[in-house]
């Protein structure tokens, strides 16, 4: 029984110690693939946190990672980042036609619409 508990503790400690170092020994592309969730957000799952931390150490952000991995079109990634810093008035201007109708004619506008709905 005591041996089983000791073995279990050693396995847990090795996992905790080796996982972050494994993140240090891989390419930016691999770091980004494991750090991103849905192609543009940092993962919050505990298994992937060492990869998120390593990406940040390498001065990578979700947009840079999206570009590296090609997980989403660059135009969409950039629209997402821009939309986060827009005022409500700017976002409204880009997401509607001025008559209260959504501008759903292209993917960039759909990003602005999604951001507007989040804020509503």
PDB file of N, CA and C in Angstrom:
ATOM      1  N   UNK A   1       0.829  -1.197   0.000  1.00  0.00           N
ATOM      2  CA  UNK A   1       0.000   0.000   0.000  1.00  0.00           C
ATOM      3  C   UNK A   1       0.869   1.255   0.000  1.00  0.00           C
ATOM      4  N   UNK A   2       1.878   1.250   0.869  1.00  0.00           N
ATOM      5  CA  UNK A   2       2.758   2.407   0.969  1.00  0.00           C
ATOM      6  C   UNK A   2       3.531   2.606  -0.336  1.00  0.00           C
ATOM      7  N   UNK A   3       3.959   1.523  -0.970  1.00  0.00           N
ATOM      8  CA  UNK A   3       4.676   1.592  -2.240  1.00  0.00           C
ATOM      9  C   UNK A   3       3.775   2.160  -3.325  1.00  0.00           C
ATOM     10  N   UNK A   4       2.537   1.763  -3.330  1.00  0.00           N
ATOM     11  CA  UNK A   4       1.585   2.254  -4.317  1.00  0.00           C
ATOM     12  C   UNK A   4       1.399   3.767  -4.182  1.00  0.00           C
ATOM     13  N   UNK A   5       1.253   4.250  -2.970  1.00  0.00           N
ATOM     14  CA  UNK A   5       1.085   5.685  -2.736  1.00  0.00           C
ATOM     15  C   UNK A   5       2.349   6.432  -3.155  1.00  0.00           C
ATOM     16  N   UNK A   6       3.516   5.894  -2.809  1.00  0.00           N
ATOM     17  CA  UNK A   6       4.781   6.539  -3.177  1.00  0.00           C
ATOM     18  C   UNK A   6       4.933   6.602  -4.692  1.00  0.00           C
ATOM     19  N   UNK A   7       4.589   5.524  -5.368  1.00  0.00           N
ATOM     20  CA  UNK A   7       4.676   5.490  -6.819  1.00  0.00           C
ATOM     21  C   UNK A   7       3.725   6.520  -7.428  1.00  0.00           C
ATOM     22  N   UNK A   8       2.540   6.599  -6.888  1.00  0.00           N
ATOM     23  CA  UNK A   8       1.549   7.559  -7.368  1.00  0.00           C
ATOM     24  C   UNK A   8       2.065   8.998  -7.215  1.00  0.00           C
ATOM     25  N   UNK A   9       2.638   9.308  -6.080  1.00  0.00           N
ATOM     26  CA  UNK A   9       3.175  10.646  -5.819  1.00  0.00           C
ATOM     27  C   UNK A   9       4.314  10.957  -6.779  1.00  0.00           C
ATOM     28  N   UNK A  10       5.189   9.996  -7.022  1.00  0.00           N
ATOM     29  CA  UNK A  10       6.309  10.194  -7.946  1.00  0.00           C
ATOM     30  C   UNK A  10       5.785  10.462  -9.358  1.00  0.00           C
ATOM     31  N   UNK A  11       4.796   9.723  -9.794  1.00  0.00           N
ATOM     32  CA  UNK A  11       4.219   9.919 -11.130  1.00  0.00           C
ATOM     33  C   UNK A  11       3.617  11.312 -11.252  1.00  0.00           C
ATOM     34  N   UNK A  12       2.899  11.740 -10.238  1.00  0.00           N
ATOM     35  CA  UNK A  12       2.290  13.085 -10.261  1.00  0.00           C
ATOM     36  C   UNK A  12       3.384  14.152 -10.311  1.00  0.00           C
ATOM     37  N   UNK A  13       4.394  14.019  -9.487  1.00  0.00           N
ATOM     38  CA  UNK A  13       5.476  15.005  -9.470  1.00  0.00           C
ATOM     39  C   UNK A  13       6.210  15.046 -10.806  1.00  0.00           C
ATOM     40  N   UNK A  14       6.472  13.894 -11.385  1.00  0.00           N
ATOM     41  CA  UNK A  14       7.144  13.855 -12.686  1.00  0.00           C
ATOM     42  C   UNK A  14       6.292  14.517 -13.767  1.00  0.00           C
ATOM     43  N   UNK A  15       5.012  14.302 -13.713  1.00  0.00           N
ATOM     44  CA  UNK A  15       4.113  14.926 -14.684  1.00  0.00           C
ATOM     45  C   UNK A  15       4.153  16.442 -14.548  1.00  0.00           C
ATOM     46  N   UNK A  16       4.095  16.930 -13.325  1.00  0.00           N
ATOM     47  CA  UNK A  16       4.115  18.369 -13.100  1.00  0.00           C
ATOM     48  C   UNK A  16       5.445  18.991 -13.491  1.00  0.00           C
ATOM     49  N   UNK A  17       6.524  18.276 -13.241  1.00  0.00           N
ATOM     50  CA  UNK A  17       7.850  18.813 -13.539  1.00  0.00           C
ATOM     51  C   UNK A  17       8.164  18.735 -15.027  1.00  0.00           C
ATOM     52  N   UNK A  18       7.810  17.645 -15.688  1.00  0.00           N
ATOM     53  CA  UNK A  18       8.193  17.476 -17.091  1.00  0.00           C
ATOM     54  C   UNK A  18       7.274  18.179 -18.070  1.00  0.00           C
ATOM     55  N   UNK A  19       6.033  18.360 -17.715  1.00  0.00           N
ATOM     56  CA  UNK A  19       5.105  18.972 -18.668  1.00  0.00           C
ATOM     57  C   UNK A  19       5.539  20.375 -19.091  1.00  0.00           C
ATOM     58  N   UNK A  20       5.846  21.297 -18.175  1.00  0.00           N
ATOM     59  CA  UNK A  20       6.275  22.619 -18.613  1.00  0.00           C
ATOM     60  C   UNK A  20       7.577  22.593 -19.396  1.00  0.00           C
ATOM     61  N   UNK A  21       8.512  21.738 -19.017  1.00  0.00           N
ATOM     62  CA  UNK A  21       9.770  21.697 -19.761  1.00  0.00           C
ATOM     63  C   UNK A  21       9.541  21.147 -21.162  1.00  0.00           C
ATOM     64  N   UNK A  22       8.558  20.274 -21.314  1.00  0.00           N
ATOM     65  CA  UNK A  22       8.228  19.767 -22.647  1.00  0.00           C
ATOM     66  C   UNK A  22       7.767  20.914 -23.529  1.00  0.00           C
ATOM     67  N   UNK A  23       7.063  21.864 -22.949  1.00  0.00           N
ATOM     68  CA  UNK A  23       6.580  23.012 -23.708  1.00  0.00           C
ATOM     69  C   UNK A  23       7.744  23.870 -24.194  1.00  0.00           C
ATOM     70  N   UNK A  24       8.825  23.931 -23.428  1.00  0.00           N
ATOM     71  CA  UNK A  24       9.972  24.753 -23.814  1.00  0.00           C
ATOM     72  C   UNK A  24      10.734  24.170 -24.991  1.00  0.00           C
ATOM     73  N   UNK A  25      10.582  22.894 -25.239  1.00  0.00           N
ATOM     74  CA  UNK A  25      11.391  22.217 -26.245  1.00  0.00           C
ATOM     75  C   UNK A  25      10.682  21.985 -27.570  1.00  0.00           C
ATOM     76  N   UNK A  26       9.643  22.746 -27.860  1.00  0.00           N
ATOM     77  CA  UNK A  26       8.924  22.565 -29.115  1.00  0.00           C
ATOM     78  C   UNK A  26       8.865  23.874 -29.894  1.00  0.00           C
ATOM     79  N   UNK A  27       8.524  23.764 -31.160  1.00  0.00           N
ATOM     80  CA  UNK A  27       8.478  24.924 -32.057  1.00  0.00           C
ATOM     81  C   UNK A  27       7.318  25.860 -31.699  1.00  0.00           C
ATOM     82  N   UNK A  28       7.395  27.086 -32.208  1.00  0.00           N
ATOM     83  CA  UNK A  28       6.297  28.033 -32.015  1.00  0.00           C
ATOM     84  C   UNK A  28       4.991  27.473 -32.558  1.00  0.00           C
ATOM     85  N   UNK A  29       5.073  26.791 -33.682  1.00  0.00           N
ATOM     86  CA  UNK A  29       3.872  26.216 -34.281  1.00  0.00           C
ATOM     87  C   UNK A  29       3.205  25.213 -33.336  1.00  0.00           C
ATOM     88  N   UNK A  30       3.990  24.328 -32.750  1.00  0.00           N
ATOM     89  CA  UNK A  30       3.444  23.330 -31.822  1.00  0.00           C
ATOM     90  C   UNK A  30       2.921  23.995 -30.549  1.00  0.00           C
ATOM     91  N   UNK A  31       3.667  24.985 -30.049  1.00  0.00           N
ATOM     92  CA  UNK A  31       3.208  25.718 -28.865  1.00  0.00           C
ATOM     93  C   UNK A  31       1.845  26.327 -29.146  1.00  0.00           C
ATOM     94  N   UNK A  32       1.737  26.994 -30.281  1.00  0.00           N
ATOM     95  CA  UNK A  32       0.485  27.667 -30.628  1.00  0.00           C
ATOM     96  C   UNK A  32      -0.662  26.690 -30.808  1.00  0.00           C
ATOM     97  N   UNK A  33      -0.411  25.565 -31.457  1.00  0.00           N
ATOM     98  CA  UNK A  33      -1.475  24.571 -31.659  1.00  0.00           C
ATOM     99  C   UNK A  33      -2.041  24.100 -30.327  1.00  0.00           C
ATOM    100  N   UNK A  34      -1.164  23.931 -29.335  1.00  0.00           N
ATOM    101  CA  UNK A  34      -1.619  23.433 -28.042  1.00  0.00           C
ATOM    102  C   UNK A  34      -2.147  24.535 -27.139  1.00  0.00           C
ATOM    103  N   UNK A  35      -1.721  25.765 -27.362  1.00  0.00           N
ATOM    104  CA  UNK A  35      -2.130  26.866 -26.494  1.00  0.00           C
ATOM    105  C   UNK A  35      -3.467  27.477 -26.902  1.00  0.00           C
ATOM    106  N   UNK A  36      -3.826  27.348 -28.176  1.00  0.00           N
ATOM    107  CA  UNK A  36      -5.051  27.981 -28.655  1.00  0.00           C
ATOM    108  C   UNK A  36      -6.280  27.100 -28.479  1.00  0.00           C
ATOM    109  N   UNK A  37      -7.390  27.746 -28.188  1.00  0.00           N
ATOM    110  CA  UNK A  37      -8.694  27.100 -28.108  1.00  0.00           C
ATOM    111  C   UNK A  37      -9.581  27.771 -29.145  1.00  0.00           C
ATOM    112  N   UNK A  38     -10.245  27.016 -29.971  1.00  0.00           N
ATOM    113  CA  UNK A  38     -11.101  27.553 -31.044  1.00  0.00           C
ATOM    114  C   UNK A  38     -10.355  28.491 -31.977  1.00  0.00           C
ATOM    115  N   UNK A  39      -9.066  28.270 -32.134  1.00  0.00           N
ATOM    116  CA  UNK A  39      -8.298  29.007 -33.118  1.00  0.00           C
ATOM    117  C   UNK A  39      -7.864  30.405 -32.776  1.00  0.00           C
ATOM    118  N   UNK A  40      -8.416  31.010 -31.706  1.00  0.00           N
ATOM    119  CA  UNK A  40      -8.053  32.398 -31.429  1.00  0.00           C
ATOM    120  C   UNK A  40      -8.041  32.771 -29.952  1.00  0.00           C
ATOM    121  N   UNK A  41      -8.343  31.860 -29.084  1.00  0.00           N
ATOM    122  CA  UNK A  41      -8.367  32.156 -27.650  1.00  0.00           C
ATOM    123  C   UNK A  41      -7.330  31.301 -26.943  1.00  0.00           C
ATOM    124  N   UNK A  42      -6.750  31.830 -25.860  1.00  0.00           N
ATOM    125  CA  UNK A  42      -5.860  30.987 -25.056  1.00  0.00           C
ATOM    126  C   UNK A  42      -6.697  29.905 -24.388  1.00  0.00           C
ATOM    127  N   UNK A  43      -6.189  28.713 -24.370  1.00  0.00           N
ATOM    128  CA  UNK A  43      -6.861  27.613 -23.689  1.00  0.00           C
ATOM    129  C   UNK A  43      -6.810  27.854 -22.182  1.00  0.00           C
ATOM    130  N   UNK A  44      -7.860  27.480 -21.497  1.00  0.00           N
ATOM    131  CA  UNK A  44      -7.888  27.591 -20.043  1.00  0.00           C
ATOM    132  C   UNK A  44      -7.811  26.219 -19.382  1.00  0.00           C
ATOM    133  N   UNK A  45      -7.712  25.174 -20.182  1.00  0.00           N
ATOM    134  CA  UNK A  45      -7.617  23.813 -19.653  1.00  0.00           C
ATOM    135  C   UNK A  45      -6.252  23.637 -18.998  1.00  0.00           C
ATOM    136  N   UNK A  46      -6.231  23.050 -17.828  1.00  0.00           N
ATOM    137  CA  UNK A  46      -4.988  22.939 -17.052  1.00  0.00           C
ATOM    138  C   UNK A  46      -3.868  22.219 -17.805  1.00  0.00           C
ATOM    139  N   UNK A  47      -4.205  21.243 -18.633  1.00  0.00           N
ATOM    140  CA  UNK A  47      -3.171  20.527 -19.384  1.00  0.00           C
ATOM    141  C   UNK A  47      -2.419  21.459 -20.335  1.00  0.00           C
ATOM    142  N   UNK A  48      -3.120  22.436 -20.916  1.00  0.00           N
ATOM    143  CA  UNK A  48      -2.528  23.308 -21.926  1.00  0.00           C
ATOM    144  C   UNK A  48      -1.924  24.593 -21.359  1.00  0.00           C
ATOM    145  N   UNK A  49      -2.129  24.857 -20.081  1.00  0.00           N
ATOM    146  CA  UNK A  49      -1.605  26.091 -19.492  1.00  0.00           C
ATOM    147  C   UNK A  49      -0.090  26.254 -19.622  1.00  0.00           C
ATOM    148  N   UNK A  50       0.711  25.178 -19.504  1.00  0.00           N
ATOM    149  CA  UNK A  50       2.152  25.359 -19.722  1.00  0.00           C
ATOM    150  C   UNK A  50       2.466  25.855 -21.135  1.00  0.00           C
ATOM    151  N   UNK A  51       1.664  25.463 -22.102  1.00  0.00           N
ATOM    152  CA  UNK A  51       1.873  25.908 -23.479  1.00  0.00           C
ATOM    153  C   UNK A  51       1.469  27.375 -23.644  1.00  0.00           C
ATOM    154  N   UNK A  52       0.400  27.767 -22.970  1.00  0.00           N
ATOM    155  CA  UNK A  52      -0.015  29.169 -22.987  1.00  0.00           C
ATOM    156  C   UNK A  52       1.074  30.020 -22.344  1.00  0.00           C
ATOM    157  N   UNK A  53       1.563  29.563 -21.209  1.00  0.00           N
ATOM    158  CA  UNK A  53       2.618  30.291 -20.496  1.00  0.00           C
ATOM    159  C   UNK A  53       3.874  30.416 -21.361  1.00  0.00           C
ATOM    160  N   UNK A  54       4.244  29.341 -22.030  1.00  0.00           N
ATOM    161  CA  UNK A  54       5.416  29.358 -22.905  1.00  0.00           C
ATOM    162  C   UNK A  54       5.201  30.276 -24.106  1.00  0.00           C
ATOM    163  N   UNK A  55       4.010  30.264 -24.649  1.00  0.00           N
ATOM    164  CA  UNK A  55       3.708  31.159 -25.781  1.00  0.00           C
ATOM    165  C   UNK A  55       3.869  32.614 -25.351  1.00  0.00           C
ATOM    166  N   UNK A  56       3.366  32.937 -24.179  1.00  0.00           N
ATOM    167  CA  UNK A  56       3.486  34.306 -23.673  1.00  0.00           C
ATOM    168  C   UNK A  56       4.953  34.674 -23.429  1.00  0.00           C
ATOM    169  N   UNK A  57       5.751  33.723 -22.921  1.00  0.00           N
ATOM    170  CA  UNK A  57       7.191  33.965 -22.722  1.00  0.00           C
ATOM    171  C   UNK A  57       7.872  34.290 -24.046  1.00  0.00           C
ATOM    172  N   UNK A  58       7.376  33.682 -25.112  1.00  0.00           N
ATOM    173  CA  UNK A  58       7.951  33.902 -26.443  1.00  0.00           C
ATOM    174  C   UNK A  58       7.339  35.130 -27.141  1.00  0.00           C
ATOM    175  N   UNK A  59       6.603  35.907 -26.381  1.00  0.00           N
ATOM    176  CA  UNK A  59       5.943  37.106 -26.912  1.00  0.00           C
ATOM    177  C   UNK A  59       4.948  36.790 -28.029  1.00  0.00           C
ATOM    178  N   UNK A  60       4.319  35.646 -27.918  1.00  0.00           N
ATOM    179  CA  UNK A  60       3.262  35.273 -28.856  1.00  0.00           C
ATOM    180  C   UNK A  60       1.934  35.634 -28.207  1.00  0.00           C
ATOM    181  N   UNK A  61       1.014  36.100 -28.999  1.00  0.00           N
ATOM    182  CA  UNK A  61      -0.344  36.345 -28.523  1.00  0.00           C
ATOM    183  C   UNK A  61      -1.277  35.496 -29.385  1.00  0.00           C
ATOM    184  N   UNK A  62      -2.565  35.432 -29.050  1.00  0.00           N
ATOM    185  CA  UNK A  62      -3.455  34.581 -29.841  1.00  0.00           C
ATOM    186  C   UNK A  62      -3.474  34.923 -31.328  1.00  0.00           C
ATOM    187  N   UNK A  63      -3.378  36.201 -31.674  1.00  0.00           N
ATOM    188  CA  UNK A  63      -3.377  36.577 -33.087  1.00  0.00           C
ATOM    189  C   UNK A  63      -2.127  36.053 -33.789  1.00  0.00           C
ATOM    190  N   UNK A  64      -0.966  36.220 -33.171  1.00  0.00           N
ATOM    191  CA  UNK A  64       0.272  35.705 -33.766  1.00  0.00           C
ATOM    192  C   UNK A  64       0.196  34.187 -33.917  1.00  0.00           C
ATOM    193  N   UNK A  65      -0.343  33.528 -32.900  1.00  0.00           N
ATOM    194  CA  UNK A  65      -0.473  32.071 -32.968  1.00  0.00           C
ATOM    195  C   UNK A  65      -1.440  31.651 -34.070  1.00  0.00           C
ATOM    196  N   UNK A  66      -2.517  32.396 -34.228  1.00  0.00           N
ATOM    197  CA  UNK A  66      -3.476  32.078 -35.304  1.00  0.00           C
ATOM    198  C   UNK A  66      -2.795  32.210 -36.660  1.00  0.00           C
ATOM    199  N   UNK A  67      -1.936  33.221 -36.808  1.00  0.00           N
ATOM    200  CA  UNK A  67      -1.196  33.385 -38.059  1.00  0.00           C
ATOM    201  C   UNK A  67      -0.223  32.233 -38.272  1.00  0.00           C
ATOM    202  N   UNK A  68       0.480  31.856 -37.214  1.00  0.00           N
ATOM    203  CA  UNK A  68       1.469  30.778 -37.310  1.00  0.00           C
ATOM    204  C   UNK A  68       0.810  29.455 -37.680  1.00  0.00           C
ATOM    205  N   UNK A  69      -0.305  29.156 -37.028  1.00  0.00           N
ATOM    206  CA  UNK A  69      -0.948  27.857 -37.249  1.00  0.00           C
ATOM    207  C   UNK A  69      -1.895  27.855 -38.441  1.00  0.00           C
ATOM    208  N   UNK A  70      -2.301  29.044 -38.874  1.00  0.00           N
ATOM    209  CA  UNK A  70      -3.280  29.115 -39.951  1.00  0.00           C
ATOM    210  C   UNK A  70      -4.638  28.609 -39.508  1.00  0.00           C
ATOM    211  N   UNK A  71      -4.894  28.679 -38.195  1.00  0.00           N
ATOM    212  CA  UNK A  71      -6.138  28.120 -37.654  1.00  0.00           C
ATOM    213  C   UNK A  71      -7.382  28.866 -38.108  1.00  0.00           C
ATOM    214  N   UNK A  72      -7.234  30.146 -38.373  1.00  0.00           N
ATOM    215  CA  UNK A  72      -8.334  30.933 -38.929  1.00  0.00           C
ATOM    216  C   UNK A  72      -7.742  31.927 -39.916  1.00  0.00           C
ATOM    217  N   UNK A  73      -8.536  32.407 -40.864  1.00  0.00           N
ATOM    218  CA  UNK A  73      -8.001  33.380 -41.821  1.00  0.00           C
ATOM    219  C   UNK A  73      -7.484  34.631 -41.111  1.00  0.00           C
ATOM    220  N   UNK A  74      -6.380  35.164 -41.573  1.00  0.00           N
ATOM    221  CA  UNK A  74      -5.742  36.323 -40.964  1.00  0.00           C
ATOM    222  C   UNK A  74      -6.709  37.505 -40.880  1.00  0.00           C
ATOM    223  N   UNK A  75      -7.458  37.718 -41.934  1.00  0.00           N
ATOM    224  CA  UNK A  75      -8.411  38.831 -41.966  1.00  0.00           C
ATOM    225  C   UNK A  75      -9.402  38.743 -40.804  1.00  0.00           C
ATOM    226  N   UNK A  76      -9.853  37.548 -40.511  1.00  0.00           N
ATOM    227  CA  UNK A  76     -10.817  37.340 -39.426  1.00  0.00           C
ATOM    228  C   UNK A  76     -10.145  37.548 -38.078  1.00  0.00           C
ATOM    229  N   UNK A  77      -8.939  37.025 -37.923  1.00  0.00           N
ATOM    230  CA  UNK A  77      -8.204  37.187 -36.664  1.00  0.00           C
ATOM    231  C   UNK A  77      -7.964  38.668 -36.377  1.00  0.00           C
ATOM    232  N   UNK A  78      -7.554  39.408 -37.389  1.00  0.00           N
ATOM    233  CA  UNK A  78      -7.293  40.832 -37.202  1.00  0.00           C
ATOM    234  C   UNK A  78      -8.581  41.596 -36.895  1.00  0.00           C
ATOM    235  N   UNK A  79      -9.672  41.237 -37.547  1.00  0.00           N
ATOM    236  CA  UNK A  79     -10.962  41.882 -37.271  1.00  0.00           C
ATOM    237  C   UNK A  79     -11.377  41.636 -35.823  1.00  0.00           C
ATOM    238  N   UNK A  80     -11.121  40.431 -35.341  1.00  0.00           N
ATOM    239  CA  UNK A  80     -11.455  40.103 -33.950  1.00  0.00           C
ATOM    240  C   UNK A  80     -10.674  40.989 -32.983  1.00  0.00           C
ATOM    241  N   UNK A  81      -9.384  41.100 -33.211  1.00  0.00           N
ATOM    242  CA  UNK A  81      -8.544  41.906 -32.321  1.00  0.00           C
ATOM    243  C   UNK A  81      -8.973  43.370 -32.364  1.00  0.00           C
ATOM    244  N   UNK A  82      -9.192  43.880 -33.561  1.00  0.00           N
ATOM    245  CA  UNK A  82      -9.624  45.273 -33.725  1.00  0.00           C
ATOM    246  C   UNK A  82     -10.968  45.494 -33.036  1.00  0.00           C
ATOM    247  N   UNK A  83     -11.874  44.556 -33.169  1.00  0.00           N
ATOM    248  CA  UNK A  83     -13.224  44.723 -32.610  1.00  0.00           C
ATOM    249  C   UNK A  83     -13.204  44.862 -31.091  1.00  0.00           C
ATOM    250  N   UNK A  84     -12.237  44.257 -30.445  1.00  0.00           N
ATOM    251  CA  UNK A  84     -12.169  44.325 -28.984  1.00  0.00           C
ATOM    252  C   UNK A  84     -11.828  45.722 -28.480  1.00  0.00           C
ATOM    253  N   UNK A  85     -11.120  46.499 -29.290  1.00  0.00           N
ATOM    254  CA  UNK A  85     -10.732  47.836 -28.847  1.00  0.00           C
ATOM    255  C   UNK A  85     -11.626  48.936 -29.414  1.00  0.00           C
ATOM    256  N   UNK A  86     -12.632  48.577 -30.183  1.00  0.00           N
ATOM    257  CA  UNK A  86     -13.553  49.564 -30.749  1.00  0.00           C
ATOM    258  C   UNK A  86     -14.517  50.088 -29.688  1.00  0.00           C
ATOM    259  N   UNK A  87     -14.906  51.338 -29.872  1.00  0.00           N
ATOM    260  CA  UNK A  87     -15.982  51.875 -29.032  1.00  0.00           C
ATOM    261  C   UNK A  87     -17.287  51.220 -29.477  1.00  0.00           C
ATOM    262  N   UNK A  88     -18.317  51.349 -28.656  1.00  0.00           N
ATOM    263  CA  UNK A  88     -19.620  50.792 -29.031  1.00  0.00           C
ATOM    264  C   UNK A  88     -20.130  51.435 -30.321  1.00  0.00           C
ATOM    265  N   UNK A  89     -19.909  52.748 -30.458  1.00  0.00           N
ATOM    266  CA  UNK A  89     -20.374  53.450 -31.666  1.00  0.00           C
ATOM    267  C   UNK A  89     -19.658  52.933 -32.917  1.00  0.00           C
ATOM    268  N   UNK A  90     -18.350  52.733 -32.826  1.00  0.00           N
ATOM    269  CA  UNK A  90     -17.591  52.207 -33.971  1.00  0.00           C
ATOM    270  C   UNK A  90     -18.056  50.807 -34.330  1.00  0.00           C
ATOM    271  N   UNK A  91     -18.263  50.001 -33.305  1.00  0.00           N
ATOM    272  CA  UNK A  91     -18.706  48.624 -33.530  1.00  0.00           C
ATOM    273  C   UNK A  91     -20.086  48.608 -34.177  1.00  0.00           C
ATOM    274  N   UNK A  92     -20.956  49.469 -33.722  1.00  0.00           N
ATOM    275  CA  UNK A  92     -22.300  49.565 -34.292  1.00  0.00           C
ATOM    276  C   UNK A  92     -22.229  49.976 -35.766  1.00  0.00           C
ATOM    277  N   UNK A  93     -21.351  50.929 -36.051  1.00  0.00           N
ATOM    278  CA  UNK A  93     -21.190  51.397 -37.430  1.00  0.00           C
ATOM    279  C   UNK A  93     -20.715  50.284 -38.358  1.00  0.00           C
ATOM    280  N   UNK A  94     -19.795  49.454 -37.870  1.00  0.00           N
ATOM    281  CA  UNK A  94     -19.255  48.380 -38.709  1.00  0.00           C
ATOM    282  C   UNK A  94     -20.175  47.172 -38.804  1.00  0.00           C
ATOM    283  N   UNK A  95     -21.027  46.977 -37.816  1.00  0.00           N
ATOM    284  CA  UNK A  95     -21.840  45.757 -37.798  1.00  0.00           C
ATOM    285  C   UNK A  95     -23.260  45.947 -38.328  1.00  0.00           C
ATOM    286  N   UNK A  96     -23.695  47.198 -38.468  1.00  0.00           N
ATOM    287  CA  UNK A  96     -25.052  47.437 -38.981  1.00  0.00           C
ATOM    288  C   UNK A  96     -25.029  48.360 -40.196  1.00  0.00           C
ATOM    289  N   UNK A  97     -26.155  48.399 -40.893  1.00  0.00           N
ATOM    290  CA  UNK A  97     -26.255  49.216 -42.108  1.00  0.00           C
ATOM    291  C   UNK A  97     -26.777  50.622 -41.832  1.00  0.00           C
ATOM    292  N   UNK A  98     -26.919  51.004 -40.579  1.00  0.00           N
ATOM    293  CA  UNK A  98     -27.444  52.318 -40.230  1.00  0.00           C
ATOM    294  C   UNK A  98     -28.955  52.336 -40.057  1.00  0.00           C
ATOM    295  N   UNK A  99     -29.589  51.264 -40.458  1.00  0.00           N
ATOM    296  CA  UNK A  99     -31.049  51.145 -40.330  1.00  0.00           C
ATOM    297  C   UNK A  99     -31.425  50.083 -39.297  1.00  0.00           C
ATOM    298  N   UNK A 100     -30.412  49.605 -38.587  1.00  0.00           N
ATOM    299  CA  UNK A 100     -30.661  48.589 -37.562  1.00  0.00           C
ATOM    300  C   UNK A 100     -30.544  47.161 -38.057  1.00  0.00           C
ATOM    301  N   UNK A 101     -30.148  46.974 -39.309  1.00  0.00           N
ATOM    302  CA  UNK A 101     -29.993  45.628 -39.871  1.00  0.00           C
ATOM    303  C   UNK A 101     -28.515  45.216 -39.801  1.00  0.00           C
ATOM    304  N   UNK A 102     -28.282  43.964 -39.471  1.00  0.00           N
ATOM    305  CA  UNK A 102     -26.905  43.463 -39.435  1.00  0.00           C
ATOM    306  C   UNK A 102     -26.320  43.432 -40.841  1.00  0.00           C
ATOM    307  N   UNK A 103     -25.053  43.768 -40.943  1.00  0.00           N
ATOM    308  CA  UNK A 103     -24.306  43.628 -42.209  1.00  0.00           C
ATOM    309  C   UNK A 103     -23.662  42.253 -42.192  1.00  0.00           C
ATOM    310  N   UNK A 104     -24.303  41.297 -42.791  1.00  0.00           N
ATOM    311  CA  UNK A 104     -23.784  39.933 -42.772  1.00  0.00           C
ATOM    312  C   UNK A 104     -23.215  39.532 -44.125  1.00  0.00           C
ATOM    313  N   UNK A 105     -22.759  40.522 -44.890  1.00  0.00           N
ATOM    314  CA  UNK A 105     -22.307  40.242 -46.248  1.00  0.00           C
ATOM    315  C   UNK A 105     -20.880  39.704 -46.346  1.00  0.00           C
ATOM    316  N   UNK A 106     -20.113  39.748 -45.264  1.00  0.00           N
ATOM    317  CA  UNK A 106     -18.779  39.143 -45.309  1.00  0.00           C
ATOM    318  C   UNK A 106     -18.355  38.688 -43.919  1.00  0.00           C
ATOM    319  N   UNK A 107     -17.299  37.911 -43.867  1.00  0.00           N
ATOM    320  CA  UNK A 107     -16.847  37.310 -42.614  1.00  0.00           C
ATOM    321  C   UNK A 107     -16.389  38.350 -41.596  1.00  0.00           C
ATOM    322  N   UNK A 108     -15.711  39.407 -42.053  1.00  0.00           N
ATOM    323  CA  UNK A 108     -15.263  40.448 -41.120  1.00  0.00           C
ATOM    324  C   UNK A 108     -16.453  41.075 -40.406  1.00  0.00           C
ATOM    325  N   UNK A 109     -17.491  41.377 -41.152  1.00  0.00           N
ATOM    326  CA  UNK A 109     -18.670  41.969 -40.525  1.00  0.00           C
ATOM    327  C   UNK A 109     -19.296  41.017 -39.514  1.00  0.00           C
ATOM    328  N   UNK A 110     -19.238  39.741 -39.785  1.00  0.00           N
ATOM    329  CA  UNK A 110     -19.779  38.763 -38.840  1.00  0.00           C
ATOM    330  C   UNK A 110     -19.004  38.779 -37.526  1.00  0.00           C
ATOM    331  N   UNK A 111     -17.694  39.084 -37.601  1.00  0.00           N
ATOM    332  CA  UNK A 111     -16.892  39.218 -36.380  1.00  0.00           C
ATOM    333  C   UNK A 111     -17.391  40.417 -35.579  1.00  0.00           C
ATOM    334  N   UNK A 112     -17.626  41.531 -36.264  1.00  0.00           N
ATOM    335  CA  UNK A 112     -18.124  42.726 -35.579  1.00  0.00           C
ATOM    336  C   UNK A 112     -19.507  42.493 -34.989  1.00  0.00           C
ATOM    337  N   UNK A 113     -20.338  41.771 -35.709  1.00  0.00           N
ATOM    338  CA  UNK A 113     -21.678  41.441 -35.211  1.00  0.00           C
ATOM    339  C   UNK A 113     -21.574  40.605 -33.939  1.00  0.00           C
ATOM    340  N   UNK A 114     -20.711  39.608 -33.954  1.00  0.00           N
ATOM    341  CA  UNK A 114     -20.538  38.751 -32.773  1.00  0.00           C
ATOM    342  C   UNK A 114     -20.075  39.574 -31.571  1.00  0.00           C
ATOM    343  N   UNK A 115     -19.131  40.502 -31.789  1.00  0.00           N
ATOM    344  CA  UNK A 115     -18.647  41.349 -30.705  1.00  0.00           C
ATOM    345  C   UNK A 115     -19.770  42.261 -30.190  1.00  0.00           C
ATOM    346  N   UNK A 116     -20.583  42.789 -31.113  1.00  0.00           N
ATOM    347  CA  UNK A 116     -21.710  43.640 -30.709  1.00  0.00           C
ATOM    348  C   UNK A 116     -22.713  42.853 -29.862  1.00  0.00           C
ATOM    349  N   UNK A 117     -22.965  41.627 -30.253  1.00  0.00           N
ATOM    350  CA  UNK A 117     -23.909  40.792 -29.487  1.00  0.00           C
ATOM    351  C   UNK A 117     -23.366  40.466 -28.105  1.00  0.00           C
ATOM    352  N   UNK A 118     -22.069  40.301 -28.005  1.00  0.00           N
ATOM    353  CA  UNK A 118     -21.451  40.033 -26.689  1.00  0.00           C
ATOM    354  C   UNK A 118     -21.666  41.232 -25.767  1.00  0.00           C
ATOM    355  N   UNK A 119     -21.509  42.424 -26.323  1.00  0.00           N
ATOM    356  CA  UNK A 119     -21.635  43.644 -25.514  1.00  0.00           C
ATOM    357  C   UNK A 119     -23.080  44.000 -25.184  1.00  0.00           C
ATOM    358  N   UNK A 120     -24.015  43.507 -25.972  1.00  0.00           N
ATOM    359  CA  UNK A 120     -25.431  43.885 -25.781  1.00  0.00           C
ATOM    360  C   UNK A 120     -25.993  43.360 -24.484  1.00  0.00           C
TER     361      UNK A 120
END
